[in-house]
Amino acid sequence: MGRHRRGANREVTVGDLIDELRRFEPGTQVRLAIQPRLPQEHSVGPVAEADGMVWIGDGGHRGYAPDEVGEHLGWI
């Protein structure tokens, strides 16, 4: 999600995100992984709509993400 199979970026839609998240248990916590070279963990903040897009706010830095996060995201 978010990347075309040849590596070109593509836009992620609300539908794409919902479909991807359906694979997980509803009670599972969500975090954002930032910075592929040194993955950091951020919590999800407020969600808003503006300028014809849905925005997911950063809820704050929580520490560094485990190495396996980068592996599963294809960063390593």
PDB file of N, CA and C in Angstrom:
ATOM      1  N   MET A   1       0.846  -1.174   0.000  1.00  0.00           N
ATOM      2  CA  MET A   1       0.000   0.000   0.000  1.00  0.00           C
ATOM      3  C   MET A   1       0.893   1.240   0.000  1.00  0.00           C
ATOM      4  N   GLY A   2       0.524   2.200  -0.825  1.00  0.00           N
ATOM      5  CA  GLY A   2       1.288   3.430  -0.851  1.00  0.00           C
ATOM      6  C   GLY A   2       2.426   3.421  -1.846  1.00  0.00           C
ATOM      7  N   ARG A   3       2.756   2.267  -2.398  1.00  0.00           N
ATOM      8  CA  ARG A   3       3.859   2.187  -3.341  1.00  0.00           C
ATOM      9  C   ARG A   3       3.453   1.237  -4.463  1.00  0.00           C
ATOM     10  N   HIS A   4       3.671   1.665  -5.691  1.00  0.00           N
ATOM     11  CA  HIS A   4       3.404   0.826  -6.846  1.00  0.00           C
ATOM     12  C   HIS A   4       4.438  -0.285  -6.877  1.00  0.00           C
ATOM     13  N   ARG A   5       4.130  -1.403  -7.494  1.00  0.00           N
ATOM     14  CA  ARG A   5       5.064  -2.530  -7.465  1.00  0.00           C
ATOM     15  C   ARG A   5       6.408  -2.231  -8.111  1.00  0.00           C
ATOM     16  N   ARG A   6       6.503  -1.232  -8.941  1.00  0.00           N
ATOM     17  CA  ARG A   6       7.795  -0.861  -9.523  1.00  0.00           C
ATOM     18  C   ARG A   6       8.498   0.206  -8.713  1.00  0.00           C
ATOM     19  N   GLY A   7       7.960   0.547  -7.544  1.00  0.00           N
ATOM     20  CA  GLY A   7       8.620   1.500  -6.674  1.00  0.00           C
ATOM     21  C   GLY A   7       8.103   2.921  -6.778  1.00  0.00           C
ATOM     22  N   ALA A   8       7.242   3.205  -7.763  1.00  0.00           N
ATOM     23  CA  ALA A   8       6.703   4.562  -7.895  1.00  0.00           C
ATOM     24  C   ALA A   8       5.654   4.808  -6.809  1.00  0.00           C
ATOM     25  N   ASN A   9       5.705   5.964  -6.192  1.00  0.00           N
ATOM     26  CA  ASN A   9       4.711   6.301  -5.167  1.00  0.00           C
ATOM     27  C   ASN A   9       3.336   6.403  -5.790  1.00  0.00           C
ATOM     28  N   ARG A  10       2.325   6.050  -5.034  1.00  0.00           N
ATOM     29  CA  ARG A  10       0.946   6.256  -5.444  1.00  0.00           C
ATOM     30  C   ARG A  10       0.177   6.755  -4.249  1.00  0.00           C
ATOM     31  N   GLU A  11      -0.923   7.394  -4.500  1.00  0.00           N
ATOM     32  CA  GLU A  11      -1.749   7.909  -3.426  1.00  0.00           C
ATOM     33  C   GLU A  11      -2.521   6.772  -2.764  1.00  0.00           C
ATOM     34  N   VAL A  12      -2.654   6.818  -1.465  1.00  0.00           N
ATOM     35  CA  VAL A  12      -3.444   5.851  -0.700  1.00  0.00           C
ATOM     36  C   VAL A  12      -4.786   6.498  -0.410  1.00  0.00           C
ATOM     37  N   THR A  13      -5.854   5.754  -0.676  1.00  0.00           N
ATOM     38  CA  THR A  13      -7.196   6.274  -0.421  1.00  0.00           C
ATOM     39  C   THR A  13      -7.713   5.775   0.924  1.00  0.00           C
ATOM     40  N   VAL A  14      -8.791   6.368   1.392  1.00  0.00           N
ATOM     41  CA  VAL A  14      -9.433   5.906   2.624  1.00  0.00           C
ATOM     42  C   VAL A  14      -9.816   4.432   2.459  1.00  0.00           C
ATOM     43  N   GLY A  15     -10.344   4.068   1.299  1.00  0.00           N
ATOM     44  CA  GLY A  15     -10.711   2.674   1.039  1.00  0.00           C
ATOM     45  C   GLY A  15      -9.522   1.733   1.131  1.00  0.00           C
ATOM     46  N   ASP A  16      -8.365   2.144   0.569  1.00  0.00           N
ATOM     47  CA  ASP A  16      -7.144   1.334   0.656  1.00  0.00           C
ATOM     48  C   ASP A  16      -6.762   1.097   2.112  1.00  0.00           C
ATOM     49  N   LEU A  17      -6.795   2.162   2.894  1.00  0.00           N
ATOM     50  CA  LEU A  17      -6.406   2.075   4.299  1.00  0.00           C
ATOM     51  C   LEU A  17      -7.365   1.175   5.083  1.00  0.00           C
ATOM     52  N   ILE A  18      -8.653   1.336   4.855  1.00  0.00           N
ATOM     53  CA  ILE A  18      -9.647   0.491   5.530  1.00  0.00           C
ATOM     54  C   ILE A  18      -9.435  -0.974   5.161  1.00  0.00           C
ATOM     55  N   ASP A  19      -9.254  -1.264   3.877  1.00  0.00           N
ATOM     56  CA  ASP A  19      -9.041  -2.647   3.434  1.00  0.00           C
ATOM     57  C   ASP A  19      -7.800  -3.255   4.083  1.00  0.00           C
ATOM     58  N   GLU A  20      -6.731  -2.477   4.153  1.00  0.00           N
ATOM     59  CA  GLU A  20      -5.488  -2.970   4.756  1.00  0.00           C
ATOM     60  C   GLU A  20      -5.668  -3.247   6.248  1.00  0.00           C
ATOM     61  N   LEU A  21      -6.357  -2.361   6.952  1.00  0.00           N
ATOM     62  CA  LEU A  21      -6.535  -2.504   8.399  1.00  0.00           C
ATOM     63  C   LEU A  21      -7.498  -3.627   8.771  1.00  0.00           C
ATOM     64  N   ARG A  22      -8.352  -4.047   7.860  1.00  0.00           N
ATOM     65  CA  ARG A  22      -9.297  -5.144   8.143  1.00  0.00           C
ATOM     66  C   ARG A  22      -8.599  -6.461   8.445  1.00  0.00           C
ATOM     67  N   ARG A  23      -7.331  -6.596   8.083  1.00  0.00           N
ATOM     68  CA  ARG A  23      -6.576  -7.834   8.343  1.00  0.00           C
ATOM     69  C   ARG A  23      -6.272  -8.032   9.820  1.00  0.00           C
ATOM     70  N   PHE A  24      -6.403  -6.976  10.611  1.00  0.00           N
ATOM     71  CA  PHE A  24      -5.975  -7.003  12.003  1.00  0.00           C
ATOM     72  C   PHE A  24      -7.167  -6.991  12.950  1.00  0.00           C
ATOM     73  N   GLU A  25      -6.937  -7.471  14.162  1.00  0.00           N
ATOM     74  CA  GLU A  25      -7.974  -7.454  15.197  1.00  0.00           C
ATOM     75  C   GLU A  25      -8.332  -6.007  15.524  1.00  0.00           C
ATOM     76  N   PRO A  26      -9.623  -5.696  15.690  1.00  0.00           N
ATOM     77  CA  PRO A  26     -10.046  -4.322  15.960  1.00  0.00           C
ATOM     78  C   PRO A  26      -9.435  -3.702  17.212  1.00  0.00           C
ATOM     79  N   GLY A  27      -9.071  -4.491  18.203  1.00  0.00           N
ATOM     80  CA  GLY A  27      -8.511  -3.948  19.431  1.00  0.00           C
ATOM     81  C   GLY A  27      -7.006  -3.712  19.392  1.00  0.00           C
ATOM     82  N   THR A  28      -6.357  -4.007  18.257  1.00  0.00           N
ATOM     83  CA  THR A  28      -4.913  -3.847  18.140  1.00  0.00           C
ATOM     84  C   THR A  28      -4.544  -2.364  18.072  1.00  0.00           C
ATOM     85  N   GLN A  29      -3.529  -1.960  18.844  1.00  0.00           N
ATOM     86  CA  GLN A  29      -3.074  -0.563  18.823  1.00  0.00           C
ATOM     87  C   GLN A  29      -2.416  -0.243  17.487  1.00  0.00           C
ATOM     88  N   VAL A  30      -2.474   1.020  17.105  1.00  0.00           N
ATOM     89  CA  VAL A  30      -1.896   1.488  15.844  1.00  0.00           C
ATOM     90  C   VAL A  30      -0.783   2.483  16.143  1.00  0.00           C
ATOM     91  N   ARG A  31       0.324   2.365  15.430  1.00  0.00           N
ATOM     92  CA  ARG A  31       1.434   3.301  15.522  1.00  0.00           C
ATOM     93  C   ARG A  31       1.861   3.681  14.108  1.00  0.00           C
ATOM     94  N   LEU A  32       2.503   4.821  13.971  1.00  0.00           N
ATOM     95  CA  LEU A  32       3.100   5.242  12.718  1.00  0.00           C
ATOM     96  C   LEU A  32       4.598   4.989  12.802  1.00  0.00           C
ATOM     97  N   ALA A  33       5.170   4.430  11.741  1.00  0.00           N
ATOM     98  CA  ALA A  33       6.619   4.263  11.653  1.00  0.00           C
ATOM     99  C   ALA A  33       7.137   5.372  10.742  1.00  0.00           C
ATOM    100  N   ILE A  34       8.107   6.122  11.228  1.00  0.00           N
ATOM    101  CA  ILE A  34       8.661   7.269  10.522  1.00  0.00           C
ATOM    102  C   ILE A  34      10.159   7.035  10.332  1.00  0.00           C
ATOM    103  N   GLN A  35      10.732   7.489   9.241  1.00  0.00           N
ATOM    104  CA  GLN A  35      12.166   7.463   8.951  1.00  0.00           C
ATOM    105  C   GLN A  35      12.695   6.050   8.715  1.00  0.00           C
ATOM    106  N   PRO A  36      12.729   5.598   7.471  1.00  0.00           N
ATOM    107  CA  PRO A  36      13.184   4.243   7.157  1.00  0.00           C
ATOM    108  C   PRO A  36      14.577   3.873   7.664  1.00  0.00           C
ATOM    109  N   ARG A  37      15.516   4.802   7.710  1.00  0.00           N
ATOM    110  CA  ARG A  37      16.886   4.438   8.133  1.00  0.00           C
ATOM    111  C   ARG A  37      17.006   4.212   9.630  1.00  0.00           C
ATOM    112  N   LEU A  38      16.175   4.856  10.399  1.00  0.00           N
ATOM    113  CA  LEU A  38      16.176   4.692  11.849  1.00  0.00           C
ATOM    114  C   LEU A  38      14.720   4.799  12.308  1.00  0.00           C
ATOM    115  N   PRO A  39      13.927   3.715  12.093  1.00  0.00           N
ATOM    116  CA  PRO A  39      12.485   3.792  12.333  1.00  0.00           C
ATOM    117  C   PRO A  39      12.126   4.263  13.739  1.00  0.00           C
ATOM    118  N   GLN A  40      11.308   5.296  13.766  1.00  0.00           N
ATOM    119  CA  GLN A  40      10.801   5.814  15.022  1.00  0.00           C
ATOM    120  C   GLN A  40       9.318   5.514  15.118  1.00  0.00           C
ATOM    121  N   GLU A  41       8.852   5.379  16.333  1.00  0.00           N
ATOM    122  CA  GLU A  41       7.456   5.042  16.609  1.00  0.00           C
ATOM    123  C   GLU A  41       6.714   6.302  17.055  1.00  0.00           C
ATOM    124  N   HIS A  42       5.612   6.588  16.378  1.00  0.00           N
ATOM    125  CA  HIS A  42       4.756   7.719  16.733  1.00  0.00           C
ATOM    126  C   HIS A  42       3.331   7.213  16.935  1.00  0.00           C
ATOM    127  N   SER A  43       2.608   7.792  17.864  1.00  0.00           N
ATOM    128  CA  SER A  43       1.207   7.438  18.007  1.00  0.00           C
ATOM    129  C   SER A  43       0.379   8.227  17.005  1.00  0.00           C
ATOM    130  N   VAL A  44      -0.802   7.694  16.738  1.00  0.00           N
ATOM    131  CA  VAL A  44      -1.723   8.338  15.813  1.00  0.00           C
ATOM    132  C   VAL A  44      -2.481   9.412  16.574  1.00  0.00           C
ATOM    133  N   GLY A  45      -2.540  10.602  15.998  1.00  0.00           N
ATOM    134  CA  GLY A  45      -3.245  11.712  16.616  1.00  0.00           C
ATOM    135  C   GLY A  45      -4.630  11.890  16.019  1.00  0.00           C
ATOM    136  N   PRO A  46      -5.123  13.105  16.029  1.00  0.00           N
ATOM    137  CA  PRO A  46      -6.455  13.362  15.498  1.00  0.00           C
ATOM    138  C   PRO A  46      -6.528  13.118  13.993  1.00  0.00           C
ATOM    139  N   VAL A  47      -7.720  12.824  13.522  1.00  0.00           N
ATOM    140  CA  VAL A  47      -7.981  12.621  12.103  1.00  0.00           C
ATOM    141  C   VAL A  47      -8.947  13.714  11.662  1.00  0.00           C
ATOM    142  N   ALA A  48      -8.648  14.372  10.539  1.00  0.00           N
ATOM    143  CA  ALA A  48      -9.478  15.474  10.070  1.00  0.00           C
ATOM    144  C   ALA A  48      -9.573  15.452   8.544  1.00  0.00           C
ATOM    145  N   GLU A  49     -10.545  16.152   8.023  1.00  0.00           N
ATOM    146  CA  GLU A  49     -10.670  16.312   6.575  1.00  0.00           C
ATOM    147  C   GLU A  49     -10.509  17.787   6.240  1.00  0.00           C
ATOM    148  N   ALA A  50      -9.638  18.064   5.281  1.00  0.00           N
ATOM    149  CA  ALA A  50      -9.417  19.435   4.819  1.00  0.00           C
ATOM    150  C   ALA A  50      -8.813  19.373   3.429  1.00  0.00           C
ATOM    151  N   ASP A  51      -9.138  20.323   2.621  1.00  0.00           N
ATOM    152  CA  ASP A  51      -8.526  20.431   1.290  1.00  0.00           C
ATOM    153  C   ASP A  51      -8.806  19.199   0.423  1.00  0.00           C
ATOM    154  N   GLY A  52      -9.955  18.545   0.657  1.00  0.00           N
ATOM    155  CA  GLY A  52     -10.322  17.368  -0.129  1.00  0.00           C
ATOM    156  C   GLY A  52      -9.563  16.102   0.229  1.00  0.00           C
ATOM    157  N   MET A  53      -8.895  16.099   1.372  1.00  0.00           N
ATOM    158  CA  MET A  53      -8.131  14.927   1.819  1.00  0.00           C
ATOM    159  C   MET A  53      -8.412  14.643   3.279  1.00  0.00           C
ATOM    160  N   VAL A  54      -8.139  13.401   3.679  1.00  0.00           N
ATOM    161  CA  VAL A  54      -8.198  13.032   5.094  1.00  0.00           C
ATOM    162  C   VAL A  54      -6.771  13.112   5.627  1.00  0.00           C
ATOM    163  N   TRP A  55      -6.606  13.764   6.762  1.00  0.00           N
ATOM    164  CA  TRP A  55      -5.295  13.952   7.386  1.00  0.00           C
ATOM    165  C   TRP A  55      -5.242  13.186   8.698  1.00  0.00           C
ATOM    166  N   ILE A  56      -4.160  12.454   8.903  1.00  0.00           N
ATOM    167  CA  ILE A  56      -3.929  11.737  10.151  1.00  0.00           C
ATOM    168  C   ILE A  56      -2.819  12.478  10.877  1.00  0.00           C
ATOM    169  N   GLY A  57      -3.152  13.028  12.029  1.00  0.00           N
ATOM    170  CA  GLY A  57      -2.187  13.808  12.788  1.00  0.00           C
ATOM    171  C   GLY A  57      -1.225  12.931  13.580  1.00  0.00           C
ATOM    172  N   ASP A  58      -0.070  13.480  13.828  1.00  0.00           N
ATOM    173  CA  ASP A  58       0.943  12.812  14.649  1.00  0.00           C
ATOM    174  C   ASP A  58       0.574  12.991  16.115  1.00  0.00           C
ATOM    175  N   GLY A  59       0.463  11.879  16.828  1.00  0.00           N
ATOM    176  CA  GLY A  59       0.111  11.923  18.241  1.00  0.00           C
ATOM    177  C   GLY A  59       1.310  12.003  19.164  1.00  0.00           C
ATOM    178  N   GLY A  60       2.504  12.102  18.603  1.00  0.00           N
ATOM    179  CA  GLY A  60       3.702  12.234  19.424  1.00  0.00           C
ATOM    180  C   GLY A  60       4.670  11.076  19.305  1.00  0.00           C
ATOM    181  N   HIS A  61       5.928  11.383  19.500  1.00  0.00           N
ATOM    182  CA  HIS A  61       7.010  10.397  19.442  1.00  0.00           C
ATOM    183  C   HIS A  61       6.941   9.475  20.644  1.00  0.00           C
ATOM    184  N   ARG A  62       7.052   8.167  20.412  1.00  0.00           N
ATOM    185  CA  ARG A  62       6.971   7.178  21.495  1.00  0.00           C
ATOM    186  C   ARG A  62       8.294   6.443  21.707  1.00  0.00           C
ATOM    187  N   GLY A  63       9.250   6.630  20.836  1.00  0.00           N
ATOM    188  CA  GLY A  63      10.523   5.922  20.944  1.00  0.00           C
ATOM    189  C   GLY A  63      10.935   5.405  19.574  1.00  0.00           C
ATOM    190  N   TYR A  64      11.821   4.437  19.572  1.00  0.00           N
ATOM    191  CA  TYR A  64      12.282   3.835  18.329  1.00  0.00           C
ATOM    192  C   TYR A  64      11.528   2.537  18.087  1.00  0.00           C
ATOM    193  N   ALA A  65      11.208   2.284  16.827  1.00  0.00           N
ATOM    194  CA  ALA A  65      10.482   1.065  16.464  1.00  0.00           C
ATOM    195  C   ALA A  65      11.452  -0.117  16.446  1.00  0.00           C
ATOM    196  N   PRO A  66      10.963  -1.322  16.784  1.00  0.00           N
ATOM    197  CA  PRO A  66      11.813  -2.508  16.717  1.00  0.00           C
ATOM    198  C   PRO A  66      12.306  -2.757  15.284  1.00  0.00           C
ATOM    199  N   ASP A  67      13.458  -3.410  15.133  1.00  0.00           N
ATOM    200  CA  ASP A  67      14.033  -3.700  13.811  1.00  0.00           C
ATOM    201  C   ASP A  67      13.046  -4.422  12.899  1.00  0.00           C
ATOM    202  N   GLU A  68      12.246  -5.305  13.472  1.00  0.00           N
ATOM    203  CA  GLU A  68      11.322  -6.081  12.645  1.00  0.00           C
ATOM    204  C   GLU A  68      10.285  -5.190  11.951  1.00  0.00           C
ATOM    205  N   VAL A  69      10.012  -3.998  12.491  1.00  0.00           N
ATOM    206  CA  VAL A  69       9.073  -3.079  11.854  1.00  0.00           C
ATOM    207  C   VAL A  69       9.616  -2.670  10.486  1.00  0.00           C
ATOM    208  N   GLY A  70      10.866  -2.241  10.445  1.00  0.00           N
ATOM    209  CA  GLY A  70      11.492  -1.873   9.177  1.00  0.00           C
ATOM    210  C   GLY A  70      11.522  -3.031   8.198  1.00  0.00           C
ATOM    211  N   GLU A  71      11.762  -4.233   8.698  1.00  0.00           N
ATOM    212  CA  GLU A  71      11.775  -5.423   7.840  1.00  0.00           C
ATOM    213  C   GLU A  71      10.396  -5.671   7.231  1.00  0.00           C
ATOM    214  N   HIS A  72       9.356  -5.631   8.064  1.00  0.00           N
ATOM    215  CA  HIS A  72       7.997  -5.893   7.591  1.00  0.00           C
ATOM    216  C   HIS A  72       7.497  -4.797   6.648  1.00  0.00           C
ATOM    217  N   LEU A  73       7.997  -3.583   6.804  1.00  0.00           N
ATOM    218  CA  LEU A  73       7.599  -2.483   5.929  1.00  0.00           C
ATOM    219  C   LEU A  73       8.446  -2.437   4.634  1.00  0.00           C
ATOM    220  N   GLY A  74       9.433  -3.330   4.545  1.00  0.00           N
ATOM    221  CA  GLY A  74      10.291  -3.374   3.360  1.00  0.00           C
ATOM    222  C   GLY A  74      11.354  -2.294   3.330  1.00  0.00           C
ATOM    223  N   TRP A  75      11.681  -1.724   4.483  1.00  0.00           N
ATOM    224  CA  TRP A  75      12.681  -0.664   4.560  1.00  0.00           C
ATOM    225  C   TRP A  75      14.093  -1.218   4.705  1.00  0.00           C
ATOM    226  N   ILE A  76      14.216  -2.444   5.190  1.00  0.00           N
ATOM    227  CA  ILE A  76      15.539  -3.030   5.434  1.00  0.00           C
ATOM    228  C   ILE A  76      15.745  -4.184   4.473  1.00  0.00           C
TER     229      ILE A  76
END
